Protein backbone atom coordinates (compact mmCIF):
# COMPACT_ATOMS: atom_id res chain seq x y z
CA MET A 1 106.95 -75.73 26.64
CA ILE A 2 103.78 -77.10 28.21
CA ALA A 3 104.43 -78.84 31.49
CA PRO A 4 103.16 -82.43 31.68
CA ALA A 5 99.91 -82.94 33.52
CA SER A 6 100.12 -84.41 36.99
CA PRO A 7 99.60 -88.19 37.27
CA ARG A 8 95.98 -89.27 37.11
CA ARG A 9 94.46 -89.88 40.49
CA ARG A 10 91.08 -90.92 41.75
CA PRO A 11 88.89 -87.79 41.65
CA ALA A 12 87.40 -86.43 44.85
CA SER A 13 83.62 -86.48 45.22
CA SER A 14 81.64 -83.59 43.82
CA VAL A 15 80.53 -82.69 47.36
CA LEU A 16 84.11 -82.20 48.57
CA VAL A 17 85.09 -80.28 45.44
CA LEU A 18 82.07 -77.99 45.81
CA ALA A 19 82.77 -77.57 49.54
CA ALA A 20 86.35 -76.43 48.85
CA ILE A 21 85.26 -73.93 46.18
CA LEU A 22 82.31 -72.57 48.13
CA THR A 23 84.32 -72.17 51.34
CA THR A 24 86.97 -70.25 49.41
CA GLN A 25 84.37 -67.97 47.87
CA LEU A 26 82.64 -67.48 51.23
CA MET A 27 85.86 -66.38 52.92
CA LEU A 28 86.67 -63.92 50.14
CA VAL A 29 83.25 -62.26 49.86
CA LEU A 30 82.65 -62.33 53.60
CA ASP A 31 85.70 -60.13 54.06
CA MET A 32 84.08 -57.41 51.95
CA THR A 33 81.47 -56.82 54.67
CA ILE A 34 82.72 -58.40 57.91
CA VAL A 35 84.48 -55.12 58.73
CA ASN A 36 81.33 -53.01 58.16
CA VAL A 37 79.86 -53.55 61.62
CA ALA A 38 83.30 -52.94 63.14
CA LEU A 39 83.74 -49.56 61.38
CA PRO A 40 82.63 -47.35 64.31
CA ASP A 41 84.96 -49.18 66.74
CA LEU A 42 87.75 -49.28 64.19
CA GLN A 43 87.42 -45.56 63.52
CA SER A 44 87.73 -44.63 67.18
CA SER A 45 90.58 -47.09 67.75
CA LEU A 46 92.79 -46.12 64.80
CA GLY A 47 91.66 -42.55 64.11
CA PHE A 48 90.14 -42.70 60.62
CA THR A 49 88.27 -39.70 59.21
CA PRO A 50 84.63 -40.31 58.11
CA THR A 51 85.47 -40.35 54.40
CA GLY A 52 88.82 -42.06 55.00
CA LEU A 53 86.88 -44.88 56.62
CA SER A 54 85.58 -45.93 53.21
CA TRP A 55 89.15 -46.93 52.27
CA VAL A 56 88.95 -49.81 54.76
CA LEU A 57 86.52 -51.31 52.26
CA ASN A 58 87.97 -49.83 49.08
CA ALA A 59 91.58 -50.90 49.72
CA TYR A 60 90.34 -54.49 49.63
CA THR A 61 87.84 -54.25 46.80
CA LEU A 62 90.10 -52.20 44.52
CA ALA A 63 93.05 -54.58 44.83
CA PHE A 64 90.63 -57.50 44.50
CA GLY A 65 88.82 -56.16 41.44
CA GLY A 66 91.81 -54.51 39.79
CA LEU A 67 94.03 -57.61 39.83
CA LEU A 68 91.37 -60.25 39.21
CA LEU A 69 92.08 -60.38 35.49
CA LEU A 70 95.80 -60.88 36.10
CA GLY A 71 94.89 -63.52 38.66
CA ALA A 72 92.72 -65.31 36.12
CA ARG A 73 95.50 -65.21 33.52
CA THR A 74 98.01 -66.50 36.06
CA GLY A 75 95.76 -69.49 36.76
CA ASP A 76 95.60 -70.27 33.05
CA LEU A 77 99.40 -70.16 32.72
CA LEU A 78 100.61 -71.72 35.96
CA GLY A 79 97.77 -74.05 36.92
CA ARG A 80 94.60 -73.03 38.71
CA ARG A 81 94.94 -75.11 41.86
CA ARG A 82 98.49 -73.85 42.38
CA VAL A 83 97.40 -70.22 42.03
CA LEU A 84 94.34 -70.81 44.23
CA VAL A 85 96.53 -72.13 47.06
CA ALA A 86 98.99 -69.22 46.73
CA GLY A 87 96.13 -66.69 46.80
CA ILE A 88 94.57 -68.21 49.92
CA ALA A 89 97.98 -68.27 51.66
CA LEU A 90 98.60 -64.57 50.94
CA PHE A 91 95.07 -63.66 52.07
CA THR A 92 95.61 -65.56 55.33
CA ALA A 93 98.96 -63.92 56.08
CA ALA A 94 97.56 -60.44 55.35
CA SER A 95 94.63 -61.10 57.70
CA LEU A 96 97.07 -61.81 60.51
CA VAL A 97 98.95 -58.54 59.85
CA GLY A 98 95.68 -56.57 59.73
CA GLY A 99 94.61 -57.98 63.06
CA ILE A 100 97.71 -56.64 64.81
CA ALA A 101 97.72 -53.26 63.00
CA ALA A 102 98.48 -50.29 65.26
CA GLY A 103 97.60 -47.53 62.80
CA PRO A 104 95.53 -46.75 59.69
CA GLY A 105 98.42 -47.22 57.26
CA VAL A 106 99.22 -50.78 58.35
CA LEU A 107 95.56 -51.77 58.29
CA LEU A 108 95.00 -50.35 54.80
CA ALA A 109 98.16 -52.09 53.52
CA ALA A 110 96.94 -55.37 54.99
CA ARG A 111 93.51 -54.89 53.44
CA ALA A 112 95.13 -54.26 50.05
CA ALA A 113 97.26 -57.40 50.45
CA GLN A 114 94.11 -59.37 51.29
CA GLY A 115 92.63 -58.07 48.05
CA VAL A 116 95.68 -59.21 46.07
CA GLY A 117 95.38 -62.71 47.52
CA ALA A 118 91.65 -62.77 46.79
CA ALA A 119 92.28 -61.60 43.21
CA PHE A 120 94.43 -64.65 42.52
CA ALA A 121 92.20 -67.11 44.38
CA ALA A 122 88.68 -66.16 43.21
CA PRO A 123 88.91 -66.63 39.42
CA SER A 124 90.71 -69.96 39.80
CA ALA A 125 87.98 -71.16 42.17
CA LEU A 126 85.18 -70.25 39.73
CA ALA A 127 87.06 -71.70 36.73
CA LEU A 128 87.60 -74.97 38.63
CA LEU A 129 83.88 -75.09 39.37
CA MET A 130 83.07 -74.62 35.68
CA ALA A 131 85.50 -77.40 34.80
CA ARG A 132 84.13 -79.84 37.35
CA PHE A 133 80.42 -79.33 36.63
CA PRO A 134 79.39 -79.52 32.95
CA GLU A 135 77.00 -76.98 31.45
CA GLY A 136 73.34 -77.74 32.05
CA ALA A 137 71.33 -78.65 35.15
CA GLU A 138 74.37 -79.79 37.13
CA ARG A 139 76.24 -76.53 36.57
CA ALA A 140 73.07 -74.52 37.24
CA ARG A 141 72.76 -76.15 40.66
CA ALA A 142 76.44 -75.54 41.41
CA LEU A 143 76.13 -71.91 40.29
CA GLY A 144 73.05 -71.61 42.49
CA TYR A 145 75.11 -72.55 45.53
CA PHE A 146 77.99 -70.37 44.34
CA SER A 147 75.73 -67.36 43.86
CA ALA A 148 74.06 -67.92 47.24
CA VAL A 149 77.47 -67.92 48.89
CA SER A 150 78.66 -64.93 46.87
CA ILE A 151 75.83 -62.68 47.94
CA GLY A 152 74.74 -64.43 51.14
CA GLY A 153 78.33 -64.33 52.35
CA SER A 154 78.18 -60.54 52.31
CA ALA A 155 75.20 -60.59 54.68
CA LEU A 156 76.74 -63.32 56.84
CA GLY A 157 79.82 -61.14 57.13
CA LEU A 158 77.72 -58.48 58.85
CA ILE A 159 76.43 -60.99 61.40
CA ALA A 160 79.87 -62.48 62.02
CA GLY A 161 81.38 -59.02 62.26
CA GLY A 162 78.80 -58.02 64.86
CA MET A 163 79.47 -61.09 66.98
CA LEU A 164 83.24 -60.75 66.85
CA THR A 165 83.23 -57.00 67.47
CA GLN A 166 80.90 -57.18 70.48
CA TRP A 167 82.24 -60.38 72.05
CA ALA A 168 85.95 -59.86 71.36
CA SER A 169 87.16 -56.79 69.42
CA TRP A 170 87.28 -55.43 65.88
CA ARG A 171 90.67 -57.16 65.45
CA TRP A 172 88.99 -60.54 65.36
CA VAL A 173 87.22 -59.70 62.11
CA MET A 174 90.72 -60.08 60.66
CA PHE A 175 92.06 -62.88 62.89
CA VAL A 176 89.12 -65.18 62.10
CA ASN A 177 90.46 -65.74 58.57
CA VAL A 178 93.70 -67.31 59.80
CA PRO A 179 92.44 -70.77 60.91
CA ILE A 180 89.94 -70.88 58.04
CA GLY A 181 92.64 -70.07 55.50
CA LEU A 182 95.05 -72.70 56.85
CA ALA A 183 92.34 -75.37 56.74
CA LEU A 184 91.37 -74.33 53.21
CA VAL A 185 94.92 -74.69 51.90
CA ALA A 186 94.96 -78.30 53.12
CA LEU A 187 91.48 -79.06 51.71
CA VAL A 188 92.17 -77.53 48.28
CA ARG A 189 95.42 -79.46 47.92
CA ALA A 190 93.61 -82.67 48.86
CA VAL A 191 90.46 -82.54 46.72
CA LEU A 192 90.92 -80.21 43.73
CA PRO A 193 92.71 -81.41 40.58
CA GLU A 194 95.52 -79.37 39.07
CA THR A 195 94.99 -78.03 35.57
CA PRO A 196 97.73 -78.14 32.93
CA ARG A 197 100.07 -75.19 32.50
CA HIS A 198 99.83 -73.32 29.22
CA PRO A 199 102.48 -71.27 27.44
CA GLY A 200 101.99 -67.52 27.35
CA ARG A 201 102.96 -64.18 28.80
CA PHE A 202 101.81 -62.09 31.72
CA ASP A 203 100.19 -58.84 30.68
CA LEU A 204 101.70 -56.75 33.48
CA VAL A 205 101.12 -53.45 31.67
CA GLY A 206 97.43 -54.23 31.31
CA ALA A 207 97.17 -55.21 34.99
CA ALA A 208 98.97 -52.06 36.14
CA THR A 209 97.00 -49.61 33.98
CA SER A 210 93.62 -51.12 34.91
CA THR A 211 94.32 -51.33 38.65
CA ILE A 212 95.93 -47.91 39.06
CA GLY A 213 93.37 -46.34 36.73
CA MET A 214 90.41 -47.61 38.77
CA THR A 215 92.14 -46.62 42.03
CA ALA A 216 92.64 -43.09 40.69
CA LEU A 217 88.96 -42.82 39.77
CA VAL A 218 87.83 -43.98 43.21
CA TYR A 219 90.32 -41.62 44.87
CA GLY A 220 88.91 -38.80 42.77
CA PHE A 221 85.38 -39.46 44.06
CA VAL A 222 86.58 -39.64 47.67
CA GLU A 223 88.51 -36.38 47.25
CA ALA A 224 85.42 -34.78 45.71
CA ALA A 225 83.49 -35.68 48.85
CA GLU A 226 86.10 -33.98 51.07
CA ASP A 227 87.48 -31.10 49.00
CA GLY A 228 84.93 -30.53 46.22
CA TRP A 229 84.75 -31.32 42.51
CA GLY A 230 86.99 -28.42 41.51
CA ALA A 231 89.86 -29.28 43.85
CA PRO A 232 93.22 -29.87 42.08
CA THR A 233 93.61 -33.36 43.59
CA THR A 234 90.11 -34.33 42.45
CA LEU A 235 90.68 -33.15 38.88
CA ALA A 236 94.15 -34.72 38.74
CA SER A 237 92.81 -38.07 39.99
CA PHE A 238 90.04 -38.18 37.39
CA THR A 239 92.47 -37.19 34.63
CA VAL A 240 95.02 -39.84 35.59
CA GLY A 241 92.29 -42.47 35.92
CA ALA A 242 90.81 -41.71 32.49
CA LEU A 243 94.22 -41.71 30.79
CA LEU A 244 95.29 -44.99 32.39
CA LEU A 245 92.01 -46.74 31.53
CA ALA A 246 92.35 -45.56 27.93
CA ALA A 247 95.91 -46.92 27.94
CA PHE A 248 94.53 -50.20 29.30
CA VAL A 249 92.15 -50.58 26.35
CA LEU A 250 94.93 -49.80 23.86
CA THR A 251 97.23 -52.28 25.59
CA GLU A 252 94.61 -55.04 25.43
CA LEU A 253 94.06 -54.41 21.72
CA ARG A 254 97.76 -54.89 20.97
CA ALA A 255 98.96 -57.35 23.60
CA PRO A 256 99.79 -60.87 22.34
CA ALA A 257 98.30 -62.35 25.53
CA PRO A 258 95.90 -59.78 27.04
CA ILE A 259 94.52 -60.30 30.53
CA THR A 260 91.16 -59.19 29.12
CA PRO A 261 90.49 -60.62 25.67
CA LEU A 262 88.21 -57.94 24.26
CA ARG A 263 86.39 -60.58 22.23
CA LEU A 264 84.59 -61.48 25.46
CA PHE A 265 82.61 -58.24 25.11
CA ALA A 266 81.40 -59.11 21.61
CA ASP A 267 78.45 -61.04 23.06
CA ARG A 268 75.81 -58.49 24.06
CA THR A 269 74.25 -60.75 26.73
CA ARG A 270 77.61 -61.21 28.43
CA SER A 271 78.43 -57.50 28.24
CA ALA A 272 75.03 -56.55 29.66
CA ALA A 273 75.40 -59.07 32.49
CA LEU A 274 78.82 -57.69 33.43
CA GLY A 275 77.55 -54.11 33.36
CA GLY A 276 74.47 -55.08 35.35
CA ARG A 277 76.58 -56.84 37.96
CA LEU A 278 78.73 -53.73 38.35
CA LEU A 279 75.71 -51.48 38.91
CA LEU A 280 73.99 -53.92 41.26
CA MET A 281 77.09 -54.30 43.44
CA ALA A 282 77.47 -50.51 43.56
CA ALA A 283 74.01 -50.24 45.10
CA MET A 284 74.49 -53.24 47.39
CA THR A 285 77.80 -52.08 48.85
CA GLY A 286 76.24 -48.72 49.61
CA LEU A 287 73.34 -50.42 51.41
CA PHE A 288 75.64 -52.34 53.73
CA PHE A 289 77.94 -49.35 54.35
CA PHE A 290 75.25 -46.81 55.21
CA LEU A 291 72.69 -49.06 56.88
CA THR A 292 75.19 -50.58 59.34
CA GLN A 293 76.17 -47.07 60.48
CA PHE A 294 72.52 -45.95 60.58
CA LEU A 295 71.55 -48.83 62.85
CA GLN A 296 74.44 -48.20 65.27
CA ASP A 297 74.93 -44.41 65.19
CA VAL A 298 71.31 -43.28 64.74
CA LEU A 299 69.13 -46.05 66.20
CA GLY A 300 71.68 -47.06 68.85
CA TYR A 301 71.98 -50.78 67.99
CA SER A 302 74.88 -52.79 69.37
CA PRO A 303 77.31 -54.40 66.89
CA LEU A 304 75.71 -57.82 67.45
CA ALA A 305 72.16 -56.49 67.08
CA THR A 306 73.22 -54.74 63.88
CA GLY A 307 74.60 -57.95 62.44
CA VAL A 308 71.49 -59.92 63.39
CA ALA A 309 69.31 -57.21 61.85
CA PHE A 310 70.68 -58.24 58.44
CA LEU A 311 69.74 -61.92 58.91
CA PRO A 312 66.58 -61.61 56.74
CA ILE A 313 68.76 -60.79 53.73
CA THR A 314 70.79 -63.96 54.26
CA VAL A 315 67.72 -66.17 54.62
CA MET A 316 65.97 -64.71 51.57
CA LEU A 317 69.13 -64.96 49.48
CA LEU A 318 69.69 -68.60 50.32
CA VAL A 319 66.08 -69.52 49.61
CA PHE A 320 65.50 -67.53 46.44
CA SER A 321 68.86 -68.26 44.84
CA GLN A 322 67.87 -71.91 44.86
CA VAL A 323 64.41 -71.05 43.52
CA SER A 324 66.09 -69.04 40.78
CA ALA A 325 68.46 -71.89 39.87
CA ARG A 326 65.47 -74.19 39.33
CA LEU A 327 63.38 -71.66 37.42
CA MET A 328 66.25 -70.58 35.17
CA GLN A 329 66.12 -73.78 33.16
CA ARG A 330 62.40 -73.24 32.43
CA VAL A 331 61.94 -69.51 31.92
CA GLY A 332 65.45 -68.33 31.00
CA ASN A 333 67.57 -65.56 32.48
CA ARG A 334 65.75 -62.37 31.48
CA PRO A 335 62.43 -62.74 33.39
CA LEU A 336 64.25 -63.59 36.62
CA LEU A 337 66.64 -60.67 36.17
CA VAL A 338 63.87 -58.17 35.53
CA VAL A 339 61.66 -59.31 38.42
CA GLY A 340 64.58 -59.67 40.83
CA LEU A 341 66.16 -56.30 40.10
CA ALA A 342 62.80 -54.49 40.09
CA THR A 343 62.18 -55.92 43.58
CA THR A 344 65.64 -54.72 44.66
CA THR A 345 64.82 -51.24 43.38
CA VAL A 346 61.65 -51.11 45.49
CA ALA A 347 63.67 -52.12 48.56
CA LEU A 348 66.15 -49.30 48.05
CA LEU A 349 63.35 -46.78 47.50
CA LEU A 350 61.87 -47.81 50.86
CA LEU A 351 65.25 -47.28 52.53
CA SER A 352 65.51 -43.81 51.01
CA ARG A 353 62.54 -42.84 53.23
CA ILE A 354 64.13 -43.77 56.58
CA ASP A 355 64.82 -41.12 59.24
CA ALA A 356 65.79 -40.91 62.92
CA GLY A 357 62.29 -42.04 63.93
CA THR A 358 62.20 -45.10 61.67
CA GLY A 359 61.56 -48.40 63.42
CA TYR A 360 63.01 -51.77 62.46
CA PRO A 361 59.75 -53.10 60.86
CA GLN A 362 60.13 -50.68 57.93
CA ILE A 363 63.78 -51.65 57.55
CA LEU A 364 62.82 -55.33 57.80
CA VAL A 365 60.41 -55.05 54.86
CA ALA A 366 63.15 -53.45 52.77
CA LEU A 367 65.72 -56.10 53.75
CA VAL A 368 63.32 -58.96 52.90
CA LEU A 369 62.56 -57.45 49.49
CA PHE A 370 66.26 -56.81 48.90
CA GLY A 371 67.12 -60.44 49.70
CA ILE A 372 64.35 -61.79 47.47
CA GLY A 373 65.34 -59.56 44.57
CA ASN A 374 69.03 -60.35 44.73
CA GLY A 375 68.38 -64.03 45.29
CA LEU A 376 66.34 -64.15 42.09
CA ALA A 377 68.83 -62.10 40.07
CA PHE A 378 72.30 -63.31 40.99
CA VAL A 379 72.17 -66.85 39.60
CA PRO A 380 70.97 -65.82 36.11
CA LEU A 381 73.32 -62.81 36.25
CA THR A 382 76.28 -65.15 36.85
CA ALA A 383 75.10 -67.61 34.20
CA ALA A 384 74.62 -64.83 31.63
CA GLY A 385 78.11 -63.51 32.36
CA LEU A 386 79.59 -66.93 31.55
CA GLN A 387 77.20 -67.84 28.75
CA GLY A 388 78.84 -69.36 25.66
CA VAL A 389 82.41 -68.80 26.86
CA ASP A 390 85.07 -70.72 24.97
CA PRO A 391 87.03 -73.08 27.30
CA ARG A 392 90.26 -71.21 26.49
CA ASP A 393 88.67 -68.04 27.93
CA ALA A 394 87.16 -69.66 31.03
CA GLY A 395 89.67 -68.08 33.39
CA ALA A 396 89.41 -64.62 31.84
CA ALA A 397 85.60 -64.78 31.79
CA SER A 398 85.38 -65.82 35.44
CA GLY A 399 87.85 -63.04 36.25
CA LEU A 400 85.61 -60.51 34.52
CA VAL A 401 82.56 -61.71 36.47
CA ASN A 402 84.40 -61.25 39.76
CA ALA A 403 86.08 -58.01 38.61
CA SER A 404 82.76 -56.40 37.72
CA GLN A 405 81.49 -57.30 41.19
CA GLN A 406 84.48 -55.92 43.09
CA ILE A 407 85.04 -52.83 40.95
CA GLY A 408 81.32 -52.08 41.04
CA GLY A 409 81.41 -52.23 44.84
CA ALA A 410 84.46 -49.95 45.15
CA LEU A 411 83.42 -47.44 42.50
CA GLY A 412 79.81 -47.44 43.66
CA LEU A 413 80.75 -46.86 47.29
CA ALA A 414 82.98 -43.95 46.30
CA VAL A 415 80.15 -42.39 44.27
CA LEU A 416 77.56 -42.92 47.01
CA VAL A 417 79.87 -41.55 49.72
CA THR A 418 80.35 -38.45 47.58
CA VAL A 419 76.59 -38.10 47.11
CA ALA A 420 75.97 -38.61 50.84
CA GLU A 421 78.60 -36.07 51.89
CA SER A 422 77.14 -33.44 49.54
CA ALA A 423 73.62 -34.04 50.86
CA ALA A 424 74.85 -34.04 54.46
CA ARG A 425 76.54 -30.64 54.13
CA ALA A 426 73.40 -29.13 52.63
CA ALA A 427 71.10 -30.52 55.34
CA ALA A 428 72.88 -29.46 58.53
CA PRO A 429 70.25 -27.84 60.83
CA VAL A 430 70.77 -24.49 62.54
CA GLY A 431 70.69 -24.13 66.33
CA ALA A 432 71.01 -27.83 67.14
CA THR A 433 73.58 -29.65 69.27
CA ALA A 434 76.66 -31.14 67.64
CA LEU A 435 75.26 -34.68 68.05
CA GLU A 436 71.92 -33.70 66.50
CA VAL A 437 73.68 -32.00 63.61
CA ALA A 438 75.81 -35.10 62.96
CA ARG A 439 72.83 -37.46 63.07
CA HIS A 440 70.64 -35.27 60.89
CA ALA A 441 73.43 -34.83 58.35
CA PHE A 442 74.15 -38.55 58.24
CA VAL A 443 70.47 -39.45 57.76
CA ALA A 444 70.11 -36.93 54.93
CA GLY A 445 73.21 -38.32 53.24
CA ALA A 446 72.08 -41.93 53.65
CA GLN A 447 68.65 -41.13 52.20
CA GLN A 448 70.22 -39.62 49.11
CA ALA A 449 72.66 -42.53 48.75
CA PHE A 450 69.82 -45.07 48.87
CA LEU A 451 67.85 -43.06 46.31
CA VAL A 452 70.82 -43.01 43.92
CA GLY A 453 71.32 -46.72 44.56
CA ALA A 454 67.69 -47.31 43.52
CA GLY A 455 68.41 -45.38 40.33
CA LEU A 456 71.37 -47.68 39.61
CA THR A 457 69.30 -50.85 39.98
CA ALA A 458 66.45 -49.35 37.92
CA ALA A 459 68.96 -48.63 35.15
CA THR A 460 70.14 -52.24 35.44
CA VAL A 461 66.58 -53.50 34.87
CA VAL A 462 66.35 -51.52 31.63
CA LEU A 463 69.81 -52.62 30.47
CA LEU A 464 69.25 -56.31 31.05
CA ALA A 465 65.68 -56.34 29.73
CA ALA A 466 66.90 -54.84 26.47
CA LEU A 467 70.07 -56.85 25.88
CA VAL A 468 69.93 -60.26 27.58
CA ARG A 469 68.96 -63.08 25.24
CA ARG A 470 68.11 -66.69 25.97
CA PRO A 471 71.03 -68.98 24.98
CA ALA A 472 70.55 -70.84 21.73
CA PRO A 473 70.06 -74.60 22.16
CA ALA A 474 73.21 -76.59 21.58
CA PRO A 475 73.19 -78.45 18.25
CA THR A 476 72.59 -82.17 18.46
CA VAL A 477 75.58 -84.18 17.27
CA VAL A 478 74.88 -87.71 16.10
CA THR A 479 77.86 -90.02 16.46
CA PRO A 480 77.99 -93.76 15.73
CA HIS A 481 80.12 -94.48 18.78
CA ARG A 482 79.02 -93.29 22.20
CA GLU A 483 82.52 -93.75 23.56
CA ALA A 484 83.96 -91.38 20.97
CA ALA A 485 81.38 -88.74 21.82
CA ALA A 486 82.19 -89.05 25.50
CA ASP A 487 85.79 -88.07 24.82
CA GLU A 488 84.88 -84.89 22.92
CA ARG A 489 85.28 -82.69 25.96
CA THR A 490 87.52 -79.90 27.00
CA PRO A 491 90.77 -80.93 28.68
CA GLU A 492 89.55 -79.32 31.89
CA LEU A 493 86.40 -81.42 32.03
CA ALA A 494 88.37 -84.55 31.25
CA LEU A 495 90.81 -83.72 34.02
CA ALA A 496 87.96 -83.03 36.44
CA ASP A 497 86.57 -86.51 35.78
């Protein structure tokens, strides 16, 4: 039975609604990178191994990406504001636990719990934005801000992480979420409308097979970096991952209420946008992971200086995401995607040439180009991923957009860490001190990781140029009564009004 909608109340202003959604998104994406600058301190404090350190990021992104689709489905069934509040509350509590962690296990468990909370909050936030802002110029502007926060938040996380690590300790990169999360719960409850509940089932088998399958694949890449491709644990992880992901597809084909309606992949533009987002985030996560360590461990930057060094990315992203939102209505998605991602590829190629003698000016040029490229690409990439989605699939589609971003980051980082470790082992110099060997090996690994990242973004350019199409204009409907036409909206848009 469908629960009755909550009593009609005066809607909050668009500014407050957008502020609540953007702040939620900022907190969630910021936590993907805020720990990056703290990694060296965190490693020495809790005793992580070099490859094990990647799990501080992957525990969050895997839980986030793997459960996003279940989170989106839960919002459809139980009400999106209700699920958004629950997700923020869990994220906040997990942040507190992570801040007081005394060992690697507790921290990784807290990071995974943060990811679970984010998985339930993020798709509901994006679906509520789609409901509040109708398709066209108004939604394009809102998506411009959303995309700027989504990618700019990652760069801001590096700056915030540097400040907190240097001025307080690495623990404050976790503690900082607690007051923000508590304030967000109050704001969301005050300004966002609840959506009606819908009857249906939870596809728990689909959620379990997709999440555990992706985790097994990532674990396989990490094990390959440490023990080699032929190690039993590596082969077992890849086998389990492949079998579970195949089971996931079969489950979704047969499930009465799948968390991933496979019809969403029938549109080639949407499929290309999701694949492109996955590849782009793989390269981007690798940039943040390796460059933060390069600046601190090789060039000797402080945590704060490292965070500030990434400021050009933030500025360029904020500026060019708004430029992209305005141009998108005139030129369409494909030209912006091609130009933006080609610029990103050039930036990564420049970074693949860095060494121990590289100065910041060369890195600055690469960061500026990277910010421009991603600023141009992310708005049309988000719009293409949501293009032509039926209102009944809004939650699932927004979940897929976020899932491709998080899974791309986790899987890409695992691949790039494996590539870097292989290159580092092959490049160790003979007759050098231990510190020189470590630095030389790290630089060689980072160079190779950036080069592979450039290959991923170049492949994305080809993919999107070939498959992304401009949306067909909506048919004009002539109706004798303007009032009747005004009511021909989705229930979500009516509720948002």
